[in-house]
Structure formats: C-alpha cells, structure tokens
C-alpha cells in the first residue's frame, strides 16, 4: 500500500536528513550543542505530523500541525545559525533550508484550509 500523505512523507524524509546532519555535526565537526537542538526540533516536525494523522478532533489535528509548524520554524533558525557559524557549507544550507521552507509552506496551507472547512 502506498502512503500518499505528502506532508507526512516529506516531514519523515526531513527528519532523516536532520538525523544524518546531527551525526555529521557530532562526528565530523565535534559540535554538541546546536546539533542536539536541531535534532530535537527537526525530528519533532515529523513526530507531530504523524500524531496529527490520529487526531481525536479537527481542533486536535490543527493543534498538532501548528506545533509541527513551530518546530519547523525553530529548525529553520538552527539551520541558519549553523550556516552563519560555518558548521555547514552553502550547498548543504541551501538544500536544508529549501526543504524546511517547503514543509513550512505545506503546513501553513493545510492549517489554513483546515480552519476554513
């Protein structure tokens, strides 16, 4: 069976990228503080999106996605800080920030449409 929940799939893929980024930061850059922060917020996006699938009500669904949106916003901050502090290069920054912004747009659209209906 194919899972066609785009935001769930993209947030899970993003979480995996964040886990790999965490490993890189710890193993190759010996960075321990920001790496834990981005690991927590970046994986939380997907966890909250997954929780929203089993929401007990429309309000609960919207709440879970709003939490995911906030975590994605925090993750965006950590990506920018890692780049500005030279822990990640331009290519990795562009790739990560684009994925993060795409998730933010998807979440904003779903939240907006859910509130309308």
PDB file of N, CA and C in Angstrom:
ATOM      1  N   UNK A   1       0.843  -1.187   0.000  1.00  0.00           N
ATOM      2  CA  UNK A   1       0.000   0.000   0.000  1.00  0.00           C
ATOM      3  C   UNK A   1       0.886   1.247   0.000  1.00  0.00           C
ATOM      4  N   UNK A   2       0.575   2.165  -0.858  1.00  0.00           N
ATOM      5  CA  UNK A   2       1.351   3.389  -0.981  1.00  0.00           C
ATOM      6  C   UNK A   2       0.763   4.445  -0.051  1.00  0.00           C
ATOM      7  N   UNK A   3       1.651   5.067   0.732  1.00  0.00           N
ATOM      8  CA  UNK A   3       1.225   6.130   1.630  1.00  0.00           C
ATOM      9  C   UNK A   3       1.307   7.441   0.859  1.00  0.00           C
ATOM     10  N   UNK A   4       0.157   8.081   0.603  1.00  0.00           N
ATOM     11  CA  UNK A   4       0.148   9.285  -0.210  1.00  0.00           C
ATOM     12  C   UNK A   4      -0.011  10.561   0.616  1.00  0.00           C
ATOM     13  N   UNK A   5       0.294  10.507   1.895  1.00  0.00           N
ATOM     14  CA  UNK A   5       0.255  11.693   2.753  1.00  0.00           C
ATOM     15  C   UNK A   5       1.558  12.468   2.527  1.00  0.00           C
ATOM     16  N   UNK A   6       1.497  13.461   1.663  1.00  0.00           N
ATOM     17  CA  UNK A   6       2.696  14.174   1.229  1.00  0.00           C
ATOM     18  C   UNK A   6       3.422  14.826   2.396  1.00  0.00           C
ATOM     19  N   UNK A   7       2.714  15.519   3.256  1.00  0.00           N
ATOM     20  CA  UNK A   7       3.385  16.222   4.358  1.00  0.00           C
ATOM     21  C   UNK A   7       3.986  15.230   5.351  1.00  0.00           C
ATOM     22  N   UNK A   8       3.327  14.107   5.549  1.00  0.00           N
ATOM     23  CA  UNK A   8       3.884  13.085   6.440  1.00  0.00           C
ATOM     24  C   UNK A   8       5.165  12.510   5.849  1.00  0.00           C
ATOM     25  N   UNK A   9       5.138  12.199   4.558  1.00  0.00           N
ATOM     26  CA  UNK A   9       6.327  11.651   3.891  1.00  0.00           C
ATOM     27  C   UNK A   9       7.475  12.659   3.873  1.00  0.00           C
ATOM     28  N   UNK A  10       7.173  13.903   3.536  1.00  0.00           N
ATOM     29  CA  UNK A  10       8.223  14.927   3.459  1.00  0.00           C
ATOM     30  C   UNK A  10       8.799  15.236   4.838  1.00  0.00           C
ATOM     31  N   UNK A  11       7.954  15.242   5.860  1.00  0.00           N
ATOM     32  CA  UNK A  11       8.460  15.518   7.206  1.00  0.00           C
ATOM     33  C   UNK A  11       9.295  14.345   7.724  1.00  0.00           C
ATOM     34  N   UNK A  12       8.951  13.125   7.351  1.00  0.00           N
ATOM     35  CA  UNK A  12       9.755  11.956   7.735  1.00  0.00           C
ATOM     36  C   UNK A  12      11.102  11.977   7.019  1.00  0.00           C
ATOM     37  N   UNK A  13      11.088  12.305   5.730  1.00  0.00           N
ATOM     38  CA  UNK A  13      12.340  12.419   4.978  1.00  0.00           C
ATOM     39  C   UNK A  13      13.219  13.526   5.563  1.00  0.00           C
ATOM     40  N   UNK A  14      12.599  14.635   5.933  1.00  0.00           N
ATOM     41  CA  UNK A  14      13.343  15.750   6.522  1.00  0.00           C
ATOM     42  C   UNK A  14      13.943  15.329   7.867  1.00  0.00           C
ATOM     43  N   UNK A  15      13.181  14.596   8.663  1.00  0.00           N
ATOM     44  CA  UNK A  15      13.690  14.115   9.950  1.00  0.00           C
ATOM     45  C   UNK A  15      14.922  13.234   9.748  1.00  0.00           C
ATOM     46  N   UNK A  16      14.891  12.392   8.751  1.00  0.00           N
ATOM     47  CA  UNK A  16      16.042  11.543   8.457  1.00  0.00           C
ATOM     48  C   UNK A  16      17.256  12.381   8.053  1.00  0.00           C
ATOM     49  N   UNK A  17      17.023  13.407   7.271  1.00  0.00           N
ATOM     50  CA  UNK A  17      18.122  14.318   6.899  1.00  0.00           C
ATOM     51  C   UNK A  17      18.695  14.992   8.146  1.00  0.00           C
ATOM     52  N   UNK A  18      17.828  15.377   9.064  1.00  0.00           N
ATOM     53  CA  UNK A  18      18.281  16.029  10.297  1.00  0.00           C
ATOM     54  C   UNK A  18      19.087  15.055  11.150  1.00  0.00           C
ATOM     55  N   UNK A  19      18.669  13.806  11.222  1.00  0.00           N
ATOM     56  CA  UNK A  19      19.432  12.793  11.967  1.00  0.00           C
ATOM     57  C   UNK A  19      20.831  12.650  11.358  1.00  0.00           C
ATOM     58  N   UNK A  20      20.900  12.595  10.034  1.00  0.00           N
ATOM     59  CA  UNK A  20      22.198  12.492   9.366  1.00  0.00           C
ATOM     60  C   UNK A  20      23.040  13.750   9.574  1.00  0.00           C
ATOM     61  N   UNK A  21      22.396  14.911   9.592  1.00  0.00           N
ATOM     62  CA  UNK A  21      23.101  16.157   9.883  1.00  0.00           C
ATOM     63  C   UNK A  21      23.656  16.127  11.300  1.00  0.00           C
ATOM     64  N   UNK A  22      22.863  15.642  12.234  1.00  0.00           N
ATOM     65  CA  UNK A  22      23.307  15.520  13.629  1.00  0.00           C
ATOM     66  C   UNK A  22      24.571  14.653  13.716  1.00  0.00           C
ATOM     67  N   UNK A  23      24.538  13.506  13.061  1.00  0.00           N
ATOM     68  CA  UNK A  23      25.704  12.609  13.076  1.00  0.00           C
ATOM     69  C   UNK A  23      26.935  13.314  12.508  1.00  0.00           C
ATOM     70  N   UNK A  24      26.746  14.015  11.398  1.00  0.00           N
ATOM     71  CA  UNK A  24      27.845  14.752  10.775  1.00  0.00           C
ATOM     72  C   UNK A  24      28.400  15.819  11.721  1.00  0.00           C
ATOM     73  N   UNK A  25      27.513  16.592  12.341  1.00  0.00           N
ATOM     74  CA  UNK A  25      27.958  17.665  13.238  1.00  0.00           C
ATOM     75  C   UNK A  25      28.717  17.121  14.437  1.00  0.00           C
ATOM     76  N   UNK A  26      28.238  16.031  14.995  1.00  0.00           N
ATOM     77  CA  UNK A  26      28.885  15.447  16.179  1.00  0.00           C
ATOM     78  C   UNK A  26      30.185  14.737  15.791  1.00  0.00           C
ATOM     79  N   UNK A  27      30.128  13.908  14.760  1.00  0.00           N
ATOM     80  CA  UNK A  27      31.293  13.096  14.396  1.00  0.00           C
ATOM     81  C   UNK A  27      32.391  13.893  13.685  1.00  0.00           C
ATOM     82  N   UNK A  28      31.995  14.735  12.736  1.00  0.00           N
ATOM     83  CA  UNK A  28      32.996  15.428  11.917  1.00  0.00           C
ATOM     84  C   UNK A  28      33.354  16.825  12.417  1.00  0.00           C
ATOM     85  N   UNK A  29      32.406  17.505  13.019  1.00  0.00           N
ATOM     86  CA  UNK A  29      32.627  18.889  13.447  1.00  0.00           C
ATOM     87  C   UNK A  29      32.772  19.031  14.961  1.00  0.00           C
ATOM     88  N   UNK A  30      32.560  17.935  15.681  1.00  0.00           N
ATOM     89  CA  UNK A  30      32.635  17.939  17.144  1.00  0.00           C
ATOM     90  C   UNK A  30      31.744  19.015  17.767  1.00  0.00           C
ATOM     91  N   UNK A  31      30.567  19.217  17.168  1.00  0.00           N
ATOM     92  CA  UNK A  31      29.613  20.216  17.638  1.00  0.00           C
ATOM     93  C   UNK A  31      28.527  19.488  18.426  1.00  0.00           C
ATOM     94  N   UNK A  32      28.315  19.900  19.674  1.00  0.00           N
ATOM     95  CA  UNK A  32      27.412  19.142  20.555  1.00  0.00           C
ATOM     96  C   UNK A  32      26.143  19.898  20.967  1.00  0.00           C
ATOM     97  N   UNK A  33      26.151  21.209  20.930  1.00  0.00           N
ATOM     98  CA  UNK A  33      25.022  21.983  21.449  1.00  0.00           C
ATOM     99  C   UNK A  33      23.958  22.220  20.379  1.00  0.00           C
ATOM    100  N   UNK A  34      24.341  22.893  19.306  1.00  0.00           N
ATOM    101  CA  UNK A  34      23.365  23.177  18.243  1.00  0.00           C
ATOM    102  C   UNK A  34      22.875  21.897  17.581  1.00  0.00           C
ATOM    103  N   UNK A  35      23.747  20.898  17.510  1.00  0.00           N
ATOM    104  CA  UNK A  35      23.362  19.640  16.874  1.00  0.00           C
ATOM    105  C   UNK A  35      22.205  18.974  17.629  1.00  0.00           C
ATOM    106  N   UNK A  36      22.243  19.035  18.953  1.00  0.00           N
ATOM    107  CA  UNK A  36      21.138  18.448  19.729  1.00  0.00           C
ATOM    108  C   UNK A  36      19.859  19.255  19.570  1.00  0.00           C
ATOM    109  N   UNK A  37      19.997  20.564  19.465  1.00  0.00           N
ATOM    110  CA  UNK A  37      18.829  21.422  19.299  1.00  0.00           C
ATOM    111  C   UNK A  37      18.133  21.140  17.963  1.00  0.00           C
ATOM    112  N   UNK A  38      18.930  21.072  16.886  1.00  0.00           N
ATOM    113  CA  UNK A  38      18.319  20.837  15.577  1.00  0.00           C
ATOM    114  C   UNK A  38      17.785  19.408  15.469  1.00  0.00           C
ATOM    115  N   UNK A  39      18.430  18.466  16.137  1.00  0.00           N
ATOM    116  CA  UNK A  39      17.917  17.092  16.162  1.00  0.00           C
ATOM    117  C   UNK A  39      16.542  17.057  16.815  1.00  0.00           C
ATOM    118  N   UNK A  40      16.416  17.745  17.941  1.00  0.00           N
ATOM    119  CA  UNK A  40      15.141  17.762  18.657  1.00  0.00           C
ATOM    120  C   UNK A  40      14.038  18.432  17.832  1.00  0.00           C
ATOM    121  N   UNK A  41      14.301  19.632  17.340  1.00  0.00           N
ATOM    122  CA  UNK A  41      13.245  20.355  16.625  1.00  0.00           C
ATOM    123  C   UNK A  41      12.961  19.744  15.252  1.00  0.00           C
ATOM    124  N   UNK A  42      14.010  19.332  14.546  1.00  0.00           N
ATOM    125  CA  UNK A  42      13.823  18.793  13.200  1.00  0.00           C
ATOM    126  C   UNK A  42      13.086  17.474  13.148  1.00  0.00           C
ATOM    127  N   UNK A  43      13.294  16.636  14.146  1.00  0.00           N
ATOM    128  CA  UNK A  43      12.561  15.364  14.190  1.00  0.00           C
ATOM    129  C   UNK A  43      11.169  15.547  14.778  1.00  0.00           C
ATOM    130  N   UNK A  44      10.993  16.574  15.574  1.00  0.00           N
ATOM    131  CA  UNK A  44       9.693  16.854  16.170  1.00  0.00           C
ATOM    132  C   UNK A  44       8.653  17.246  15.121  1.00  0.00           C
ATOM    133  N   UNK A  45       9.108  17.841  14.028  1.00  0.00           N
ATOM    134  CA  UNK A  45       8.177  18.205  12.951  1.00  0.00           C
ATOM    135  C   UNK A  45       7.443  16.952  12.492  1.00  0.00           C
ATOM    136  N   UNK A  46       8.194  15.939  12.116  1.00  0.00           N
ATOM    137  CA  UNK A  46       7.594  14.694  11.631  1.00  0.00           C
ATOM    138  C   UNK A  46       6.785  13.969  12.683  1.00  0.00           C
ATOM    139  N   UNK A  47       7.252  14.017  13.925  1.00  0.00           N
ATOM    140  CA  UNK A  47       6.519  13.352  15.006  1.00  0.00           C
ATOM    141  C   UNK A  47       5.139  13.981  15.193  1.00  0.00           C
ATOM    142  N   UNK A  48       5.074  15.306  15.146  1.00  0.00           N
ATOM    143  CA  UNK A  48       3.788  15.979  15.319  1.00  0.00           C
ATOM    144  C   UNK A  48       2.880  15.811  14.111  1.00  0.00           C
ATOM    145  N   UNK A  49       3.450  15.777  12.922  1.00  0.00           N
ATOM    146  CA  UNK A  49       2.652  15.498  11.730  1.00  0.00           C
ATOM    147  C   UNK A  49       2.072  14.089  11.836  1.00  0.00           C
ATOM    148  N   UNK A  50       2.884  13.131  12.264  1.00  0.00           N
ATOM    149  CA  UNK A  50       2.392  11.757  12.444  1.00  0.00           C
ATOM    150  C   UNK A  50       1.289  11.682  13.478  1.00  0.00           C
ATOM    151  N   UNK A  51       1.439  12.425  14.571  1.00  0.00           N
ATOM    152  CA  UNK A  51       0.388  12.468  15.586  1.00  0.00           C
ATOM    153  C   UNK A  51      -0.900  13.050  15.019  1.00  0.00           C
ATOM    154  N   UNK A  52      -0.790  14.023  14.129  1.00  0.00           N
ATOM    155  CA  UNK A  52      -1.984  14.668  13.579  1.00  0.00           C
ATOM    156  C   UNK A  52      -2.845  13.687  12.792  1.00  0.00           C
ATOM    157  N   UNK A  53      -2.226  12.672  12.225  1.00  0.00           N
ATOM    158  CA  UNK A  53      -2.965  11.667  11.462  1.00  0.00           C
ATOM    159  C   UNK A  53      -3.988  10.959  12.357  1.00  0.00           C
ATOM    160  N   UNK A  54      -3.659  10.848  13.640  1.00  0.00           N
ATOM    161  CA  UNK A  54      -4.543  10.151  14.587  1.00  0.00           C
ATOM    162  C   UNK A  54      -5.223  11.110  15.556  1.00  0.00           C
ATOM    163  N   UNK A  55      -5.380  12.339  15.130  1.00  0.00           N
ATOM    164  CA  UNK A  55      -6.007  13.346  15.992  1.00  0.00           C
ATOM    165  C   UNK A  55      -7.425  12.939  16.361  1.00  0.00           C
ATOM    166  N   UNK A  56      -7.818  13.329  17.566  1.00  0.00           N
ATOM    167  CA  UNK A  56      -9.141  12.960  18.064  1.00  0.00           C
ATOM    168  C   UNK A  56     -10.236  13.922  17.606  1.00  0.00           C
ATOM    169  N   UNK A  57      -9.840  15.056  17.056  1.00  0.00           N
ATOM    170  CA  UNK A  57     -10.811  16.041  16.572  1.00  0.00           C
ATOM    171  C   UNK A  57     -10.124  16.966  15.573  1.00  0.00           C
ATOM    172  N   UNK A  58     -10.925  17.774  14.917  1.00  0.00           N
ATOM    173  CA  UNK A  58     -10.371  18.749  13.979  1.00  0.00           C
ATOM    174  C   UNK A  58      -9.468  19.744  14.716  1.00  0.00           C
ATOM    175  N   UNK A  59      -9.895  20.169  15.895  1.00  0.00           N
ATOM    176  CA  UNK A  59      -9.085  21.106  16.686  1.00  0.00           C
ATOM    177  C   UNK A  59      -7.753  20.468  17.082  1.00  0.00           C
ATOM    178  N   UNK A  60      -7.786  19.192  17.457  1.00  0.00           N
ATOM    179  CA  UNK A  60      -6.567  18.472  17.818  1.00  0.00           C
ATOM    180  C   UNK A  60      -5.650  18.350  16.600  1.00  0.00           C
ATOM    181  N   UNK A  61      -6.240  18.055  15.431  1.00  0.00           N
ATOM    182  CA  UNK A  61      -5.494  17.957  14.180  1.00  0.00           C
ATOM    183  C   UNK A  61      -4.762  19.267  13.885  1.00  0.00           C
ATOM    184  N   UNK A  62      -5.491  20.371  13.961  1.00  0.00           N
ATOM    185  CA  UNK A  62      -4.900  21.688  13.698  1.00  0.00           C
ATOM    186  C   UNK A  62      -3.817  21.995  14.726  1.00  0.00           C
ATOM    187  N   UNK A  63      -4.076  21.680  15.978  1.00  0.00           N
ATOM    188  CA  UNK A  63      -3.095  21.935  17.041  1.00  0.00           C
ATOM    189  C   UNK A  63      -1.788  21.182  16.789  1.00  0.00           C
ATOM    190  N   UNK A  64      -1.879  19.923  16.427  1.00  0.00           N
ATOM    191  CA  UNK A  64      -0.671  19.127  16.158  1.00  0.00           C
ATOM    192  C   UNK A  64       0.126  19.721  14.997  1.00  0.00           C
ATOM    193  N   UNK A  65      -0.580  20.162  13.952  1.00  0.00           N
ATOM    194  CA  UNK A  65       0.106  20.753  12.808  1.00  0.00           C
ATOM    195  C   UNK A  65       0.700  22.121  13.152  1.00  0.00           C
ATOM    196  N   UNK A  66       0.038  22.857  14.030  1.00  0.00           N
ATOM    197  CA  UNK A  66       0.603  24.137  14.468  1.00  0.00           C
ATOM    198  C   UNK A  66       1.882  23.923  15.278  1.00  0.00           C
ATOM    199  N   UNK A  67       1.905  22.883  16.086  1.00  0.00           N
ATOM    200  CA  UNK A  67       3.123  22.547  16.829  1.00  0.00           C
ATOM    201  C   UNK A  67       4.232  22.158  15.841  1.00  0.00           C
ATOM    202  N   UNK A  68       3.886  21.351  14.828  1.00  0.00           N
ATOM    203  CA  UNK A  68       4.859  20.964  13.799  1.00  0.00           C
ATOM    204  C   UNK A  68       5.393  22.207  13.091  1.00  0.00           C
ATOM    205  N   UNK A  69       4.520  23.158  12.820  1.00  0.00           N
ATOM    206  CA  UNK A  69       4.910  24.405  12.159  1.00  0.00           C
ATOM    207  C   UNK A  69       5.889  25.202  13.023  1.00  0.00           C
ATOM    208  N   UNK A  70       5.611  25.279  14.313  1.00  0.00           N
ATOM    209  CA  UNK A  70       6.517  25.980  15.233  1.00  0.00           C
ATOM    210  C   UNK A  70       7.875  25.298  15.290  1.00  0.00           C
ATOM    211  N   UNK A  71       7.889  23.976  15.320  1.00  0.00           N
ATOM    212  CA  UNK A  71       9.142  23.228  15.349  1.00  0.00           C
ATOM    213  C   UNK A  71       9.916  23.419  14.047  1.00  0.00           C
ATOM    214  N   UNK A  72       9.212  23.483  12.926  1.00  0.00           N
ATOM    215  CA  UNK A  72       9.870  23.737  11.643  1.00  0.00           C
ATOM    216  C   UNK A  72      10.482  25.138  11.629  1.00  0.00           C
ATOM    217  N   UNK A  73       9.778  26.097  12.217  1.00  0.00           N
ATOM    218  CA  UNK A  73      10.317  27.446  12.326  1.00  0.00           C
ATOM    219  C   UNK A  73      11.572  27.483  13.173  1.00  0.00           C
ATOM    220  N   UNK A  74      11.575  26.741  14.262  1.00  0.00           N
ATOM    221  CA  UNK A  74      12.770  26.657  15.107  1.00  0.00           C
ATOM    222  C   UNK A  74      13.914  25.984  14.346  1.00  0.00           C
ATOM    223  N   UNK A  75      13.590  24.942  13.618  1.00  0.00           N
ATOM    224  CA  UNK A  75      14.613  24.229  12.843  1.00  0.00           C
ATOM    225  C   UNK A  75      15.222  25.157  11.798  1.00  0.00           C
ATOM    226  N   UNK A  76      14.406  25.985  11.185  1.00  0.00           N
ATOM    227  CA  UNK A  76      14.899  26.970  10.222  1.00  0.00           C
ATOM    228  C   UNK A  76      15.947  27.882  10.886  1.00  0.00           C
ATOM    229  N   UNK A  77      15.674  28.299  12.111  1.00  0.00           N
ATOM    230  CA  UNK A  77      16.625  29.128  12.861  1.00  0.00           C
ATOM    231  C   UNK A  77      17.956  28.403  13.045  1.00  0.00           C
ATOM    232  N   UNK A  78      17.915  27.133  13.467  1.00  0.00           N
ATOM    233  CA  UNK A  78      19.147  26.379  13.710  1.00  0.00           C
ATOM    234  C   UNK A  78      19.926  26.157  12.416  1.00  0.00           C
ATOM    235  N   UNK A  79      19.232  25.918  11.310  1.00  0.00           N
ATOM    236  CA  UNK A  79      19.916  25.756  10.021  1.00  0.00           C
ATOM    237  C   UNK A  79      20.662  27.045   9.669  1.00  0.00           C
ATOM    238  N   UNK A  80      19.985  28.173   9.841  1.00  0.00           N
ATOM    239  CA  UNK A  80      20.621  29.461   9.545  1.00  0.00           C
ATOM    240  C   UNK A  80      21.820  29.712  10.457  1.00  0.00           C
ATOM    241  N   UNK A  81      21.681  29.389  11.734  1.00  0.00           N
ATOM    242  CA  UNK A  81      22.779  29.600  12.677  1.00  0.00           C
ATOM    243  C   UNK A  81      23.963  28.683  12.371  1.00  0.00           C
ATOM    244  N   UNK A  82      23.675  27.447  12.014  1.00  0.00           N
ATOM    245  CA  UNK A  82      24.761  26.517  11.652  1.00  0.00           C
ATOM    246  C   UNK A  82      25.518  27.016  10.428  1.00  0.00           C
ATOM    247  N   UNK A  83      24.797  27.598   9.489  1.00  0.00           N
ATOM    248  CA  UNK A  83      25.453  28.152   8.297  1.00  0.00           C
ATOM    249  C   UNK A  83      26.278  29.395   8.648  1.00  0.00           C
ATOM    250  N   UNK A  84      25.675  30.309   9.380  1.00  0.00           N
ATOM    251  CA  UNK A  84      26.364  31.555   9.727  1.00  0.00           C
ATOM    252  C   UNK A  84      27.588  31.315  10.613  1.00  0.00           C
ATOM    253  N   UNK A  85      27.553  30.248  11.384  1.00  0.00           N
ATOM    254  CA  UNK A  85      28.695  29.918  12.242  1.00  0.00           C
ATOM    255  C   UNK A  85      29.674  28.958  11.542  1.00  0.00           C
ATOM    256  N   UNK A  86      29.421  28.719  10.267  1.00  0.00           N
ATOM    257  CA  UNK A  86      30.311  27.949   9.389  1.00  0.00           C
ATOM    258  C   UNK A  86      30.428  26.456   9.730  1.00  0.00           C
ATOM    259  N   UNK A  87      29.394  25.908  10.348  1.00  0.00           N
ATOM    260  CA  UNK A  87      29.365  24.462  10.576  1.00  0.00           C
ATOM    261  C   UNK A  87      28.862  23.697   9.355  1.00  0.00           C
ATOM    262  N   UNK A  88      28.069  24.371   8.516  1.00  0.00           N
ATOM    263  CA  UNK A  88      27.622  23.752   7.267  1.00  0.00           C
ATOM    264  C   UNK A  88      27.937  24.703   6.119  1.00  0.00           C
ATOM    265  N   UNK A  89      28.165  24.131   4.940  1.00  0.00           N
ATOM    266  CA  UNK A  89      28.510  24.956   3.779  1.00  0.00           C
ATOM    267  C   UNK A  89      27.249  25.440   3.054  1.00  0.00           C
ATOM    268  N   UNK A  90      27.471  26.269   2.051  1.00  0.00           N
ATOM    269  CA  UNK A  90      26.374  26.885   1.292  1.00  0.00           C
ATOM    270  C   UNK A  90      25.464  25.843   0.639  1.00  0.00           C
ATOM    271  N   UNK A  91      26.056  24.819   0.054  1.00  0.00           N
ATOM    272  CA  UNK A  91      25.278  23.792  -0.644  1.00  0.00           C
ATOM    273  C   UNK A  91      24.347  23.058   0.320  1.00  0.00           C
ATOM    274  N   UNK A  92      24.872  22.626   1.453  1.00  0.00           N
ATOM    275  CA  UNK A  92      24.058  21.929   2.445  1.00  0.00           C
ATOM    276  C   UNK A  92      23.004  22.865   3.027  1.00  0.00           C
ATOM    277  N   UNK A  93      23.409  24.091   3.303  1.00  0.00           N
ATOM    278  CA  UNK A  93      22.463  25.090   3.807  1.00  0.00           C
ATOM    279  C   UNK A  93      21.287  25.256   2.845  1.00  0.00           C
ATOM    280  N   UNK A  94      21.589  25.482   1.566  1.00  0.00           N
ATOM    281  CA  UNK A  94      20.522  25.699   0.580  1.00  0.00           C
ATOM    282  C   UNK A  94      19.564  24.515   0.514  1.00  0.00           C
ATOM    283  N   UNK A  95      20.109  23.337   0.519  1.00  0.00           N
ATOM    284  CA  UNK A  95      19.293  22.134   0.437  1.00  0.00           C
ATOM    285  C   UNK A  95      18.388  21.988   1.666  1.00  0.00           C
ATOM    286  N   UNK A  96      18.980  22.147   2.847  1.00  0.00           N
ATOM    287  CA  UNK A  96      18.202  22.010   4.090  1.00  0.00           C
ATOM    288  C   UNK A  96      17.160  23.108   4.240  1.00  0.00           C
ATOM    289  N   UNK A  97      17.549  24.347   3.957  1.00  0.00           N
ATOM    290  CA  UNK A  97      16.621  25.459   4.155  1.00  0.00           C
ATOM    291  C   UNK A  97      15.463  25.371   3.166  1.00  0.00           C
ATOM    292  N   UNK A  98      15.742  24.915   1.956  1.00  0.00           N
ATOM    293  CA  UNK A  98      14.667  24.746   0.973  1.00  0.00           C
ATOM    294  C   UNK A  98      13.669  23.687   1.418  1.00  0.00           C
ATOM    295  N   UNK A  99      14.172  22.565   1.932  1.00  0.00           N
ATOM    296  CA  UNK A  99      13.271  21.522   2.441  1.00  0.00           C
ATOM    297  C   UNK A  99      12.454  22.030   3.621  1.00  0.00           C
ATOM    298  N   UNK A 100      13.093  22.768   4.500  1.00  0.00           N
ATOM    299  CA  UNK A 100      12.410  23.285   5.678  1.00  0.00           C
ATOM    300  C   UNK A 100      11.321  24.281   5.275  1.00  0.00           C
ATOM    301  N   UNK A 101      11.648  25.180   4.360  1.00  0.00           N
ATOM    302  CA  UNK A 101      10.666  26.174   3.902  1.00  0.00           C
ATOM    303  C   UNK A 101       9.501  25.508   3.169  1.00  0.00           C
ATOM    304  N   UNK A 102       9.788  24.441   2.438  1.00  0.00           N
ATOM    305  CA  UNK A 102       8.715  23.702   1.767  1.00  0.00           C
ATOM    306  C   UNK A 102       7.759  23.097   2.796  1.00  0.00           C
ATOM    307  N   UNK A 103       8.316  22.531   3.856  1.00  0.00           N
ATOM    308  CA  UNK A 103       7.474  21.988   4.929  1.00  0.00           C
ATOM    309  C   UNK A 103       6.646  23.100   5.574  1.00  0.00           C
ATOM    310  N   UNK A 104       7.258  24.235   5.820  1.00  0.00           N
ATOM    311  CA  UNK A 104       6.528  25.359   6.415  1.00  0.00           C
ATOM    312  C   UNK A 104       5.368  25.793   5.523  1.00  0.00           C
ATOM    313  N   UNK A 105       5.588  25.853   4.211  1.00  0.00           N
ATOM    314  CA  UNK A 105       4.511  26.229   3.280  1.00  0.00           C
ATOM    315  C   UNK A 105       3.393  25.186   3.280  1.00  0.00           C
ATOM    316  N   UNK A 106       3.766  23.914   3.236  1.00  0.00           N
ATOM    317  CA  UNK A 106       2.758  22.845   3.255  1.00  0.00           C
ATOM    318  C   UNK A 106       1.922  22.900   4.530  1.00  0.00           C
ATOM    319  N   UNK A 107       2.596  23.035   5.658  1.00  0.00           N
ATOM    320  CA  UNK A 107       1.888  23.077   6.936  1.00  0.00           C
ATOM    321  C   UNK A 107       0.964  24.290   7.007  1.00  0.00           C
ATOM    322  N   UNK A 108       1.435  25.445   6.567  1.00  0.00           N
ATOM    323  CA  UNK A 108       0.612  26.660   6.589  1.00  0.00           C
ATOM    324  C   UNK A 108      -0.639  26.487   5.734  1.00  0.00           C
ATOM    325  N   UNK A 109      -0.480  25.869   4.580  1.00  0.00           N
ATOM    326  CA  UNK A 109      -1.627  25.650   3.677  1.00  0.00           C
ATOM    327  C   UNK A 109      -2.631  24.692   4.297  1.00  0.00           C
ATOM    328  N   UNK A 110      -2.145  23.601   4.856  1.00  0.00           N
ATOM    329  CA  UNK A 110      -3.047  22.618   5.468  1.00  0.00           C
ATOM    330  C   UNK A 110      -3.777  23.223   6.670  1.00  0.00           C
ATOM    331  N   UNK A 111      -3.061  23.963   7.489  1.00  0.00           N
ATOM    332  CA  UNK A 111      -3.686  24.605   8.651  1.00  0.00           C
ATOM    333  C   UNK A 111      -4.750  25.597   8.198  1.00  0.00           C
ATOM    334  N   UNK A 112      -4.407  26.427   7.222  1.00  0.00           N
ATOM    335  CA  UNK A 112      -5.345  27.440   6.719  1.00  0.00           C
ATOM    336  C   UNK A 112      -6.604  26.777   6.161  1.00  0.00           C
ATOM    337  N   UNK A 113      -6.420  25.752   5.342  1.00  0.00           N
ATOM    338  CA  UNK A 113      -7.576  25.073   4.732  1.00  0.00           C
ATOM    339  C   UNK A 113      -8.402  24.318   5.770  1.00  0.00           C
ATOM    340  N   UNK A 114      -7.755  23.787   6.769  1.00  0.00           N
ATOM    341  CA  UNK A 114      -8.465  23.058   7.829  1.00  0.00           C
ATOM    342  C   UNK A 114      -9.308  24.002   8.671  1.00  0.00           C
ATOM    343  N   UNK A 115      -8.815  25.187   8.879  1.00  0.00           N
ATOM    344  CA  UNK A 115      -9.579  26.185   9.649  1.00  0.00           C
ATOM    345  C   UNK A 115     -10.796  26.675   8.886  1.00  0.00           C
ATOM    346  N   UNK A 116     -10.692  26.709   7.558  1.00  0.00           N
ATOM    347  CA  UNK A 116     -11.798  27.163   6.710  1.00  0.00           C
ATOM    348  C   UNK A 116     -12.947  26.163   6.696  1.00  0.00           C
ATOM    349  N   UNK A 117     -12.606  24.888   6.645  1.00  0.00           N
ATOM    350  CA  UNK A 117     -13.654  23.865   6.457  1.00  0.00           C
ATOM    351  C   UNK A 117     -14.344  23.458   7.741  1.00  0.00           C
TER     352      UNK A 117
END
